[in-house]
Amino acid sequence: GLFHIWSRVGGPLVGATAPFRPKVQHGQCPDPPPPSQDRGMTASSAELSSVATALDELTTRITAIADRYASSERDELAADLYAVERALTGAQRRLTKVIDADSRGT
């Protein structure tokens, strides 16, 4: 399995894993880092961050398409896409709040 690696001097190395156990003297186990220092990005927040990035890219693409429709006098389609853009922007804001709350542990 994978084991977390940490430094006794500098605190935990966030996200550091290794396919081996840290070397310890016979009969001793290394002390895990205190829980307050062991805060890294959880699997869920990493996945949410990835979704946020994809949502940002999608919003950019929708806006570019809407701009093309607007410049080619297809205003009805452009208006609909700008509405989609507003909805995606609102979703981005809410998702950012969720990610921030998750990273704070609240």
PDB file of N, CA and C in Angstrom:
ATOM      1  N   GLY A   1       0.812  -1.173   0.000  1.00  0.00           N
ATOM      2  CA  GLY A   1       0.000   0.000   0.000  1.00  0.00           C
ATOM      3  C   GLY A   1       0.862   1.245   0.000  1.00  0.00           C
ATOM      4  N   LEU A   2       0.190   2.389  -0.099  1.00  0.00           N
ATOM      5  CA  LEU A   2       0.891   3.665  -0.071  1.00  0.00           C
ATOM      6  C   LEU A   2       0.851   4.232   1.333  1.00  0.00           C
ATOM      7  N   PHE A   3       1.929   4.830   1.752  1.00  0.00           N
ATOM      8  CA  PHE A   3       2.018   5.402   3.080  1.00  0.00           C
ATOM      9  C   PHE A   3       2.393   6.869   2.963  1.00  0.00           C
ATOM     10  N   HIS A   4       1.817   7.690   3.859  1.00  0.00           N
ATOM     11  CA  HIS A   4       2.179   9.105   3.887  1.00  0.00           C
ATOM     12  C   HIS A   4       3.589   9.257   4.445  1.00  0.00           C
ATOM     13  N   ILE A   5       4.330  10.168   3.859  1.00  0.00           N
ATOM     14  CA  ILE A   5       5.681  10.466   4.335  1.00  0.00           C
ATOM     15  C   ILE A   5       5.631  11.853   4.953  1.00  0.00           C
ATOM     16  N   TRP A   6       6.243  12.035   6.080  1.00  0.00           N
ATOM     17  CA  TRP A   6       6.317  13.352   6.689  1.00  0.00           C
ATOM     18  C   TRP A   6       7.680  13.553   7.302  1.00  0.00           C
ATOM     19  N   SER A   7       7.989  14.804   7.521  1.00  0.00           N
ATOM     20  CA  SER A   7       9.273  15.172   8.116  1.00  0.00           C
ATOM     21  C   SER A   7       9.023  15.611   9.546  1.00  0.00           C
ATOM     22  N   ARG A   8       9.797  15.097  10.477  1.00  0.00           N
ATOM     23  CA  ARG A   8       9.627  15.494  11.872  1.00  0.00           C
ATOM     24  C   ARG A   8      10.038  16.951  12.081  1.00  0.00           C
ATOM     25  N   VAL A   9      10.896  17.477  11.242  1.00  0.00           N
ATOM     26  CA  VAL A   9      11.381  18.848  11.408  1.00  0.00           C
ATOM     27  C   VAL A   9      10.434  19.837  10.765  1.00  0.00           C
ATOM     28  N   GLY A  10      10.064  19.590   9.518  1.00  0.00           N
ATOM     29  CA  GLY A  10       9.299  20.574   8.768  1.00  0.00           C
ATOM     30  C   GLY A  10       7.813  20.339   8.708  1.00  0.00           C
ATOM     31  N   GLY A  11       7.280  19.346   9.371  1.00  0.00           N
ATOM     32  CA  GLY A  11       5.854  19.072   9.310  1.00  0.00           C
ATOM     33  C   GLY A  11       5.528  18.171   8.134  1.00  0.00           C
ATOM     34  N   PRO A  12       4.233  17.986   7.851  1.00  0.00           N
ATOM     35  CA  PRO A  12       3.844  17.043   6.804  1.00  0.00           C
ATOM     36  C   PRO A  12       4.159  17.564   5.407  1.00  0.00           C
ATOM     37  N   LEU A  13       4.397  16.651   4.504  1.00  0.00           N
ATOM     38  CA  LEU A  13       4.520  16.981   3.094  1.00  0.00           C
ATOM     39  C   LEU A  13       3.175  16.642   2.484  1.00  0.00           C
ATOM     40  N   VAL A  14       2.398  17.640   2.162  1.00  0.00           N
ATOM     41  CA  VAL A  14       1.033  17.429   1.708  1.00  0.00           C
ATOM     42  C   VAL A  14       1.038  16.619   0.417  1.00  0.00           C
ATOM     43  N   GLY A  15       0.297  15.536   0.420  1.00  0.00           N
ATOM     44  CA  GLY A  15       0.142  14.711  -0.756  1.00  0.00           C
ATOM     45  C   GLY A  15       1.308  13.792  -1.049  1.00  0.00           C
ATOM     46  N   ALA A  16       2.302  13.759  -0.183  1.00  0.00           N
ATOM     47  CA  ALA A  16       3.446  12.894  -0.435  1.00  0.00           C
ATOM     48  C   ALA A  16       3.103  11.467  -0.013  1.00  0.00           C
ATOM     49  N   THR A  17       3.284  10.543  -0.915  1.00  0.00           N
ATOM     50  CA  THR A  17       3.054   9.135  -0.609  1.00  0.00           C
ATOM     51  C   THR A  17       4.201   8.328  -1.173  1.00  0.00           C
ATOM     52  N   ALA A  18       4.360   7.150  -0.653  1.00  0.00           N
ATOM     53  CA  ALA A  18       5.423   6.275  -1.140  1.00  0.00           C
ATOM     54  C   ALA A  18       4.951   4.834  -1.012  1.00  0.00           C
ATOM     55  N   PRO A  19       5.448   3.936  -1.862  1.00  0.00           N
ATOM     56  CA  PRO A  19       5.017   2.545  -1.786  1.00  0.00           C
ATOM     57  C   PRO A  19       5.815   1.739  -0.769  1.00  0.00           C
ATOM     58  N   PHE A  20       6.295   2.375   0.260  1.00  0.00           N
ATOM     59  CA  PHE A  20       7.073   1.688   1.280  1.00  0.00           C
ATOM     60  C   PHE A  20       6.834   2.359   2.619  1.00  0.00           C
ATOM     61  N   ARG A  21       7.235   1.679   3.695  1.00  0.00           N
ATOM     62  CA  ARG A  21       7.088   2.249   5.030  1.00  0.00           C
ATOM     63  C   ARG A  21       8.332   3.063   5.374  1.00  0.00           C
ATOM     64  N   PRO A  22       8.146   4.196   6.108  1.00  0.00           N
ATOM     65  CA  PRO A  22       9.314   4.939   6.552  1.00  0.00           C
ATOM     66  C   PRO A  22      10.176   4.070   7.472  1.00  0.00           C
ATOM     67  N   LYS A  23      11.483   4.237   7.389  1.00  0.00           N
ATOM     68  CA  LYS A  23      12.377   3.447   8.229  1.00  0.00           C
ATOM     69  C   LYS A  23      12.308   3.941   9.670  1.00  0.00           C
ATOM     70  N   VAL A  24      12.128   3.017  10.575  1.00  0.00           N
ATOM     71  CA  VAL A  24      12.123   3.324  12.006  1.00  0.00           C
ATOM     72  C   VAL A  24      12.954   2.260  12.703  1.00  0.00           C
ATOM     73  N   GLN A  25      13.398   2.594  13.905  1.00  0.00           N
ATOM     74  CA  GLN A  25      14.149   1.604  14.668  1.00  0.00           C
ATOM     75  C   GLN A  25      13.199   0.518  15.143  1.00  0.00           C
ATOM     76  N   HIS A  26      13.731  -0.664  15.349  1.00  0.00           N
ATOM     77  CA  HIS A  26      12.937  -1.804  15.768  1.00  0.00           C
ATOM     78  C   HIS A  26      12.111  -1.459  17.001  1.00  0.00           C
ATOM     79  N   GLY A  27      10.808  -1.732  16.911  1.00  0.00           N
ATOM     80  CA  GLY A  27       9.923  -1.526  18.052  1.00  0.00           C
ATOM     81  C   GLY A  27       9.363  -0.110  18.139  1.00  0.00           C
ATOM     82  N   GLN A  28       9.747   0.774  17.247  1.00  0.00           N
ATOM     83  CA  GLN A  28       9.256   2.151  17.307  1.00  0.00           C
ATOM     84  C   GLN A  28       8.375   2.442  16.092  1.00  0.00           C
ATOM     85  N   CYS A  29       7.389   3.239  16.300  1.00  0.00           N
ATOM     86  CA  CYS A  29       6.542   3.710  15.209  1.00  0.00           C
ATOM     87  C   CYS A  29       6.701   5.221  15.120  1.00  0.00           C
ATOM     88  N   PRO A  30       6.760   5.759  13.928  1.00  0.00           N
ATOM     89  CA  PRO A  30       6.869   7.217  13.834  1.00  0.00           C
ATOM     90  C   PRO A  30       5.584   7.863  14.311  1.00  0.00           C
ATOM     91  N   ASP A  31       5.697   9.038  14.906  1.00  0.00           N
ATOM     92  CA  ASP A  31       4.527   9.772  15.359  1.00  0.00           C
ATOM     93  C   ASP A  31       3.857  10.420  14.156  1.00  0.00           C
ATOM     94  N   PRO A  32       2.534  10.241  14.018  1.00  0.00           N
ATOM     95  CA  PRO A  32       1.853  10.903  12.904  1.00  0.00           C
ATOM     96  C   PRO A  32       1.810  12.406  13.163  1.00  0.00           C
ATOM     97  N   PRO A  33       1.690  13.207  12.130  1.00  0.00           N
ATOM     98  CA  PRO A  33       1.595  14.646  12.345  1.00  0.00           C
ATOM     99  C   PRO A  33       0.304  14.981  13.078  1.00  0.00           C
ATOM    100  N   PRO A  34       0.287  16.077  13.838  1.00  0.00           N
ATOM    101  CA  PRO A  34      -0.945  16.475  14.519  1.00  0.00           C
ATOM    102  C   PRO A  34      -2.053  16.703  13.494  1.00  0.00           C
ATOM    103  N   PRO A  35      -3.313  16.380  13.823  1.00  0.00           N
ATOM    104  CA  PRO A  35      -4.403  16.525  12.863  1.00  0.00           C
ATOM    105  C   PRO A  35      -4.522  17.935  12.288  1.00  0.00           C
ATOM    106  N   SER A  36      -4.261  18.958  13.080  1.00  0.00           N
ATOM    107  CA  SER A  36      -4.400  20.327  12.596  1.00  0.00           C
ATOM    108  C   SER A  36      -3.389  20.641  11.506  1.00  0.00           C
ATOM    109  N   GLN A  37      -2.270  19.921  11.466  1.00  0.00           N
ATOM    110  CA  GLN A  37      -1.262  20.171  10.444  1.00  0.00           C
ATOM    111  C   GLN A  37      -1.429  19.239   9.252  1.00  0.00           C
ATOM    112  N   ASP A  38      -2.288  18.257   9.352  1.00  0.00           N
ATOM    113  CA  ASP A  38      -2.427  17.249   8.313  1.00  0.00           C
ATOM    114  C   ASP A  38      -3.539  17.605   7.337  1.00  0.00           C
ATOM    115  N   ARG A  39      -3.740  18.902   7.100  1.00  0.00           N
ATOM    116  CA  ARG A  39      -4.801  19.324   6.198  1.00  0.00           C
ATOM    117  C   ARG A  39      -4.248  19.527   4.810  1.00  0.00           C
ATOM    118  N   GLY A  40      -4.593  18.674   3.940  1.00  0.00           N
ATOM    119  CA  GLY A  40      -4.235  18.835   2.550  1.00  0.00           C
ATOM    120  C   GLY A  40      -5.514  18.867   1.748  1.00  0.00           C
ATOM    121  N   MET A  41      -5.385  18.753   0.472  1.00  0.00           N
ATOM    122  CA  MET A  41      -6.554  18.716  -0.372  1.00  0.00           C
ATOM    123  C   MET A  41      -7.131  17.303  -0.310  1.00  0.00           C
ATOM    124  N   THR A  42      -8.403  17.209   0.077  1.00  0.00           N
ATOM    125  CA  THR A  42      -9.047  15.905   0.131  1.00  0.00           C
ATOM    126  C   THR A  42      -9.337  15.434  -1.294  1.00  0.00           C
ATOM    127  N   ALA A  43      -9.640  14.173  -1.421  1.00  0.00           N
ATOM    128  CA  ALA A  43      -9.975  13.641  -2.744  1.00  0.00           C
ATOM    129  C   ALA A  43     -11.190  14.360  -3.312  1.00  0.00           C
ATOM    130  N   SER A  44     -12.160  14.649  -2.446  1.00  0.00           N
ATOM    131  CA  SER A  44     -13.362  15.351  -2.906  1.00  0.00           C
ATOM    132  C   SER A  44     -13.035  16.761  -3.354  1.00  0.00           C
ATOM    133  N   SER A  45     -12.222  17.498  -2.573  1.00  0.00           N
ATOM    134  CA  SER A  45     -11.914  18.863  -2.989  1.00  0.00           C
ATOM    135  C   SER A  45     -11.033  18.883  -4.222  1.00  0.00           C
ATOM    136  N   ALA A  46     -10.196  17.876  -4.405  1.00  0.00           N
ATOM    137  CA  ALA A  46      -9.396  17.800  -5.631  1.00  0.00           C
ATOM    138  C   ALA A  46     -10.315  17.571  -6.834  1.00  0.00           C
ATOM    139  N   GLU A  47     -11.289  16.693  -6.664  1.00  0.00           N
ATOM    140  CA  GLU A  47     -12.232  16.432  -7.751  1.00  0.00           C
ATOM    141  C   GLU A  47     -13.083  17.660  -8.046  1.00  0.00           C
ATOM    142  N   LEU A  48     -13.532  18.344  -6.986  1.00  0.00           N
ATOM    143  CA  LEU A  48     -14.318  19.567  -7.169  1.00  0.00           C
ATOM    144  C   LEU A  48     -13.502  20.650  -7.859  1.00  0.00           C
ATOM    145  N   SER A  49     -12.239  20.749  -7.503  1.00  0.00           N
ATOM    146  CA  SER A  49     -11.364  21.721  -8.148  1.00  0.00           C
ATOM    147  C   SER A  49     -11.227  21.425  -9.637  1.00  0.00           C
ATOM    148  N   SER A  50     -11.126  20.162  -9.978  1.00  0.00           N
ATOM    149  CA  SER A  50     -11.061  19.748 -11.379  1.00  0.00           C
ATOM    150  C   SER A  50     -12.356  20.108 -12.104  1.00  0.00           C
ATOM    151  N   VAL A  51     -13.481  19.884 -11.454  1.00  0.00           N
ATOM    152  CA  VAL A  51     -14.776  20.233 -12.039  1.00  0.00           C
ATOM    153  C   VAL A  51     -14.869  21.747 -12.230  1.00  0.00           C
ATOM    154  N   ALA A  52     -14.374  22.515 -11.261  1.00  0.00           N
ATOM    155  CA  ALA A  52     -14.396  23.973 -11.368  1.00  0.00           C
ATOM    156  C   ALA A  52     -13.577  24.444 -12.568  1.00  0.00           C
ATOM    157  N   THR A  53     -12.446  23.817 -12.791  1.00  0.00           N
ATOM    158  CA  THR A  53     -11.616  24.163 -13.942  1.00  0.00           C
ATOM    159  C   THR A  53     -12.351  23.851 -15.241  1.00  0.00           C
ATOM    160  N   ALA A  54     -12.980  22.684 -15.307  1.00  0.00           N
ATOM    161  CA  ALA A  54     -13.741  22.306 -16.497  1.00  0.00           C
ATOM    162  C   ALA A  54     -14.911  23.264 -16.719  1.00  0.00           C
ATOM    163  N   LEU A  55     -15.564  23.668 -15.642  1.00  0.00           N
ATOM    164  CA  LEU A  55     -16.687  24.599 -15.730  1.00  0.00           C
ATOM    165  C   LEU A  55     -16.218  25.955 -16.245  1.00  0.00           C
ATOM    166  N   ASP A  56     -15.058  26.404 -15.791  1.00  0.00           N
ATOM    167  CA  ASP A  56     -14.488  27.665 -16.266  1.00  0.00           C
ATOM    168  C   ASP A  56     -14.197  27.598 -17.765  1.00  0.00           C
ATOM    169  N   GLU A  57     -13.604  26.481 -18.201  1.00  0.00           N
ATOM    170  CA  GLU A  57     -13.311  26.314 -19.625  1.00  0.00           C
ATOM    171  C   GLU A  57     -14.592  26.253 -20.454  1.00  0.00           C
ATOM    172  N   LEU A  58     -15.600  25.579 -19.947  1.00  0.00           N
ATOM    173  CA  LEU A  58     -16.883  25.481 -20.634  1.00  0.00           C
ATOM    174  C   LEU A  58     -17.524  26.863 -20.765  1.00  0.00           C
ATOM    175  N   THR A  59     -17.476  27.645 -19.696  1.00  0.00           N
ATOM    176  CA  THR A  59     -18.036  28.996 -19.721  1.00  0.00           C
ATOM    177  C   THR A  59     -17.342  29.842 -20.782  1.00  0.00           C
ATOM    178  N   THR A  60     -16.024  29.744 -20.858  1.00  0.00           N
ATOM    179  CA  THR A  60     -15.255  30.498 -21.854  1.00  0.00           C
ATOM    180  C   THR A  60     -15.676  30.106 -23.269  1.00  0.00           C
ATOM    181  N   ARG A  61     -15.856  28.819 -23.492  1.00  0.00           N
ATOM    182  CA  ARG A  61     -16.263  28.338 -24.819  1.00  0.00           C
ATOM    183  C   ARG A  61     -17.669  28.808 -25.180  1.00  0.00           C
ATOM    184  N   ILE A  62     -18.596  28.741 -24.231  1.00  0.00           N
ATOM    185  CA  ILE A  62     -19.974  29.187 -24.473  1.00  0.00           C
ATOM    186  C   ILE A  62     -19.981  30.671 -24.813  1.00  0.00           C
ATOM    187  N   THR A  63     -19.199  31.467 -24.083  1.00  0.00           N
ATOM    188  CA  THR A  63     -19.135  32.905 -24.340  1.00  0.00           C
ATOM    189  C   THR A  63     -18.603  33.188 -25.741  1.00  0.00           C
ATOM    190  N   ALA A  64     -17.565  32.474 -26.148  1.00  0.00           N
ATOM    191  CA  ALA A  64     -16.996  32.668 -27.491  1.00  0.00           C
ATOM    192  C   ALA A  64     -18.023  32.341 -28.575  1.00  0.00           C
ATOM    193  N   ILE A  65     -18.779  31.269 -28.375  1.00  0.00           N
ATOM    194  CA  ILE A  65     -19.804  30.899 -29.356  1.00  0.00           C
ATOM    195  C   ILE A  65     -20.904  31.961 -29.386  1.00  0.00           C
ATOM    196  N   ALA A  66     -21.319  32.416 -28.209  1.00  0.00           N
ATOM    197  CA  ALA A  66     -22.355  33.458 -28.135  1.00  0.00           C
ATOM    198  C   ALA A  66     -21.882  34.733 -28.844  1.00  0.00           C
ATOM    199  N   ASP A  67     -20.626  35.092 -28.646  1.00  0.00           N
ATOM    200  CA  ASP A  67     -20.083  36.279 -29.314  1.00  0.00           C
ATOM    201  C   ASP A  67     -20.118  36.122 -30.838  1.00  0.00           C
ATOM    202  N   ARG A  68     -19.806  34.919 -31.319  1.00  0.00           N
ATOM    203  CA  ARG A  68     -19.848  34.675 -32.775  1.00  0.00           C
ATOM    204  C   ARG A  68     -21.282  34.810 -33.299  1.00  0.00           C
ATOM    205  N   TYR A  69     -22.241  34.249 -32.548  1.00  0.00           N
ATOM    206  CA  TYR A  69     -23.636  34.391 -32.972  1.00  0.00           C
ATOM    207  C   TYR A  69     -24.064  35.859 -32.961  1.00  0.00           C
ATOM    208  N   ALA A  70     -23.642  36.599 -31.955  1.00  0.00           N
ATOM    209  CA  ALA A  70     -24.019  38.012 -31.862  1.00  0.00           C
ATOM    210  C   ALA A  70     -23.450  38.810 -33.029  1.00  0.00           C
ATOM    211  N   SER A  71     -22.221  38.494 -33.436  1.00  0.00           N
ATOM    212  CA  SER A  71     -21.605  39.237 -34.534  1.00  0.00           C
ATOM    213  C   SER A  71     -22.163  38.827 -35.897  1.00  0.00           C
ATOM    214  N   SER A  72     -22.821  37.669 -35.970  1.00  0.00           N
ATOM    215  CA  SER A  72     -23.412  37.239 -37.238  1.00  0.00           C
ATOM    216  C   SER A  72     -24.919  37.490 -37.263  1.00  0.00           C
ATOM    217  N   GLU A  73     -25.381  38.365 -36.390  1.00  0.00           N
ATOM    218  CA  GLU A  73     -26.785  38.788 -36.325  1.00  0.00           C
ATOM    219  C   GLU A  73     -27.751  37.634 -36.035  1.00  0.00           C
ATOM    220  N   ARG A  74     -27.288  36.704 -35.233  1.00  0.00           N
ATOM    221  CA  ARG A  74     -28.189  35.640 -34.755  1.00  0.00           C
ATOM    222  C   ARG A  74     -28.431  35.899 -33.270  1.00  0.00           C
ATOM    223  N   ASP A  75     -29.027  37.065 -33.020  1.00  0.00           N
ATOM    224  CA  ASP A  75     -29.181  37.577 -31.658  1.00  0.00           C
ATOM    225  C   ASP A  75     -29.984  36.673 -30.734  1.00  0.00           C
ATOM    226  N   GLU A  76     -30.973  35.977 -31.268  1.00  0.00           N
ATOM    227  CA  GLU A  76     -31.794  35.107 -30.427  1.00  0.00           C
ATOM    228  C   GLU A  76     -30.953  33.968 -29.850  1.00  0.00           C
ATOM    229  N   LEU A  77     -30.118  33.357 -30.701  1.00  0.00           N
ATOM    230  CA  LEU A  77     -29.244  32.287 -30.218  1.00  0.00           C
ATOM    231  C   LEU A  77     -28.184  32.850 -29.271  1.00  0.00           C
ATOM    232  N   ALA A  78     -27.652  34.013 -29.589  1.00  0.00           N
ATOM    233  CA  ALA A  78     -26.655  34.642 -28.728  1.00  0.00           C
ATOM    234  C   ALA A  78     -27.249  34.919 -27.345  1.00  0.00           C
ATOM    235  N   ALA A  79     -28.481  35.430 -27.317  1.00  0.00           N
ATOM    236  CA  ALA A  79     -29.138  35.739 -26.038  1.00  0.00           C
ATOM    237  C   ALA A  79     -29.298  34.485 -25.191  1.00  0.00           C
ATOM    238  N   ASP A  80     -29.689  33.389 -25.832  1.00  0.00           N
ATOM    239  CA  ASP A  80     -29.841  32.132 -25.094  1.00  0.00           C
ATOM    240  C   ASP A  80     -28.496  31.664 -24.533  1.00  0.00           C
ATOM    241  N   LEU A  81     -27.449  31.774 -25.338  1.00  0.00           N
ATOM    242  CA  LEU A  81     -26.125  31.351 -24.861  1.00  0.00           C
ATOM    243  C   LEU A  81     -25.595  32.267 -23.767  1.00  0.00           C
ATOM    244  N   TYR A  82     -25.900  33.564 -23.842  1.00  0.00           N
ATOM    245  CA  TYR A  82     -25.484  34.464 -22.760  1.00  0.00           C
ATOM    246  C   TYR A  82     -26.215  34.111 -21.451  1.00  0.00           C
ATOM    247  N   ALA A  83     -27.458  33.641 -21.573  1.00  0.00           N
ATOM    248  CA  ALA A  83     -28.189  33.174 -20.380  1.00  0.00           C
ATOM    249  C   ALA A  83     -27.507  31.934 -19.801  1.00  0.00           C
ATOM    250  N   VAL A  84     -27.067  31.037 -20.678  1.00  0.00           N
ATOM    251  CA  VAL A  84     -26.319  29.858 -20.223  1.00  0.00           C
ATOM    252  C   VAL A  84     -25.031  30.307 -19.544  1.00  0.00           C
ATOM    253  N   GLU A  85     -24.348  31.290 -20.137  1.00  0.00           N
ATOM    254  CA  GLU A  85     -23.111  31.816 -19.550  1.00  0.00           C
ATOM    255  C   GLU A  85     -23.361  32.340 -18.133  1.00  0.00           C
ATOM    256  N   ARG A  86     -24.450  33.096 -17.950  1.00  0.00           N
ATOM    257  CA  ARG A  86     -24.773  33.623 -16.610  1.00  0.00           C
ATOM    258  C   ARG A  86     -25.033  32.494 -15.619  1.00  0.00           C
ATOM    259  N   ALA A  87     -25.740  31.470 -16.065  1.00  0.00           N
ATOM    260  CA  ALA A  87     -26.020  30.328 -15.187  1.00  0.00           C
ATOM    261  C   ALA A  87     -24.722  29.612 -14.800  1.00  0.00           C
ATOM    262  N   LEU A  88     -23.831  29.420 -15.777  1.00  0.00           N
ATOM    263  CA  LEU A  88     -22.556  28.756 -15.492  1.00  0.00           C
ATOM    264  C   LEU A  88     -21.691  29.598 -14.555  1.00  0.00           C
ATOM    265  N   THR A  89     -21.720  30.913 -14.739  1.00  0.00           N
ATOM    266  CA  THR A  89     -20.953  31.801 -13.853  1.00  0.00           C
ATOM    267  C   THR A  89     -21.484  31.709 -12.425  1.00  0.00           C
ATOM    268  N   GLY A  90     -22.802  31.651 -12.273  1.00  0.00           N
ATOM    269  CA  GLY A  90     -23.393  31.475 -10.945  1.00  0.00           C
ATOM    270  C   GLY A  90     -22.998  30.141 -10.339  1.00  0.00           C
ATOM    271  N   ALA A  91     -22.989  29.102 -11.161  1.00  0.00           N
ATOM    272  CA  ALA A  91     -22.576  27.779 -10.685  1.00  0.00           C
ATOM    273  C   ALA A  91     -21.110  27.793 -10.259  1.00  0.00           C
ATOM    274  N   GLN A  92     -20.269  28.510 -11.005  1.00  0.00           N
ATOM    275  CA  GLN A  92     -18.854  28.620 -10.632  1.00  0.00           C
ATOM    276  C   GLN A  92     -18.696  29.274  -9.263  1.00  0.00           C
ATOM    277  N   ARG A  93     -19.445  30.346  -9.026  1.00  0.00           N
ATOM    278  CA  ARG A  93     -19.363  31.028  -7.721  1.00  0.00           C
ATOM    279  C   ARG A  93     -19.767  30.099  -6.582  1.00  0.00           C
ATOM    280  N   ARG A  94     -20.861  29.373  -6.756  1.00  0.00           N
ATOM    281  CA  ARG A  94     -21.310  28.461  -5.700  1.00  0.00           C
ATOM    282  C   ARG A  94     -20.316  27.330  -5.486  1.00  0.00           C
ATOM    283  N   LEU A  95     -19.771  26.798  -6.557  1.00  0.00           N
ATOM    284  CA  LEU A  95     -18.791  25.721  -6.445  1.00  0.00           C
ATOM    285  C   LEU A  95     -17.531  26.210  -5.743  1.00  0.00           C
ATOM    286  N   THR A  96     -17.107  27.428  -6.042  1.00  0.00           N
ATOM    287  CA  THR A  96     -15.946  28.014  -5.363  1.00  0.00           C
ATOM    288  C   THR A  96     -16.201  28.130  -3.859  1.00  0.00           C
ATOM    289  N   LYS A  97     -17.405  28.515  -3.478  1.00  0.00           N
ATOM    290  CA  LYS A  97     -17.756  28.590  -2.048  1.00  0.00           C
ATOM    291  C   LYS A  97     -17.671  27.216  -1.386  1.00  0.00           C
ATOM    292  N   VAL A  98     -18.152  26.193  -2.086  1.00  0.00           N
ATOM    293  CA  VAL A  98     -18.095  24.824  -1.545  1.00  0.00           C
ATOM    294  C   VAL A  98     -16.642  24.395  -1.369  1.00  0.00           C
ATOM    295  N   ILE A  99     -15.812  24.631  -2.377  1.00  0.00           N
ATOM    296  CA  ILE A  99     -14.398  24.244  -2.301  1.00  0.00           C
ATOM    297  C   ILE A  99     -13.708  24.974  -1.170  1.00  0.00           C
ATOM    298  N   ASP A 100     -13.971  26.284  -1.029  1.00  0.00           N
ATOM    299  CA  ASP A 100     -13.361  27.055   0.058  1.00  0.00           C
ATOM    300  C   ASP A 100     -13.802  26.538   1.418  1.00  0.00           C
ATOM    301  N   ALA A 101     -15.078  26.247   1.582  1.00  0.00           N
ATOM    302  CA  ALA A 101     -15.590  25.723   2.852  1.00  0.00           C
ATOM    303  C   ALA A 101     -14.983  24.363   3.158  1.00  0.00           C
ATOM    304  N   ASP A 102     -14.832  23.528   2.139  1.00  0.00           N
ATOM    305  CA  ASP A 102     -14.239  22.199   2.342  1.00  0.00           C
ATOM    306  C   ASP A 102     -12.796  22.321   2.760  1.00  0.00           C
ATOM    307  N   SER A 103     -12.056  23.235   2.153  1.00  0.00           N
ATOM    308  CA  SER A 103     -10.642  23.373   2.505  1.00  0.00           C
ATOM    309  C   SER A 103     -10.457  23.935   3.919  1.00  0.00           C
ATOM    310  N   ARG A 104     -11.449  24.698   4.401  1.00  0.00           N
ATOM    311  CA  ARG A 104     -11.390  25.213   5.779  1.00  0.00           C
ATOM    312  C   ARG A 104     -11.907  24.192   6.787  1.00  0.00           C
ATOM    313  N   GLY A 105     -12.543  23.147   6.280  1.00  0.00           N
ATOM    314  CA  GLY A 105     -13.074  22.117   7.167  1.00  0.00           C
ATOM    315  C   GLY A 105     -14.391  22.513   7.797  1.00  0.00           C
ATOM    316  N   THR A 106     -15.122  23.461   7.169  1.00  0.00           N
ATOM    317  CA  THR A 106     -16.410  23.887   7.723  1.00  0.00           C
ATOM    318  C   THR A 106     -17.547  23.361   6.905  1.00  0.00           C
TER     319      THR A 106
END
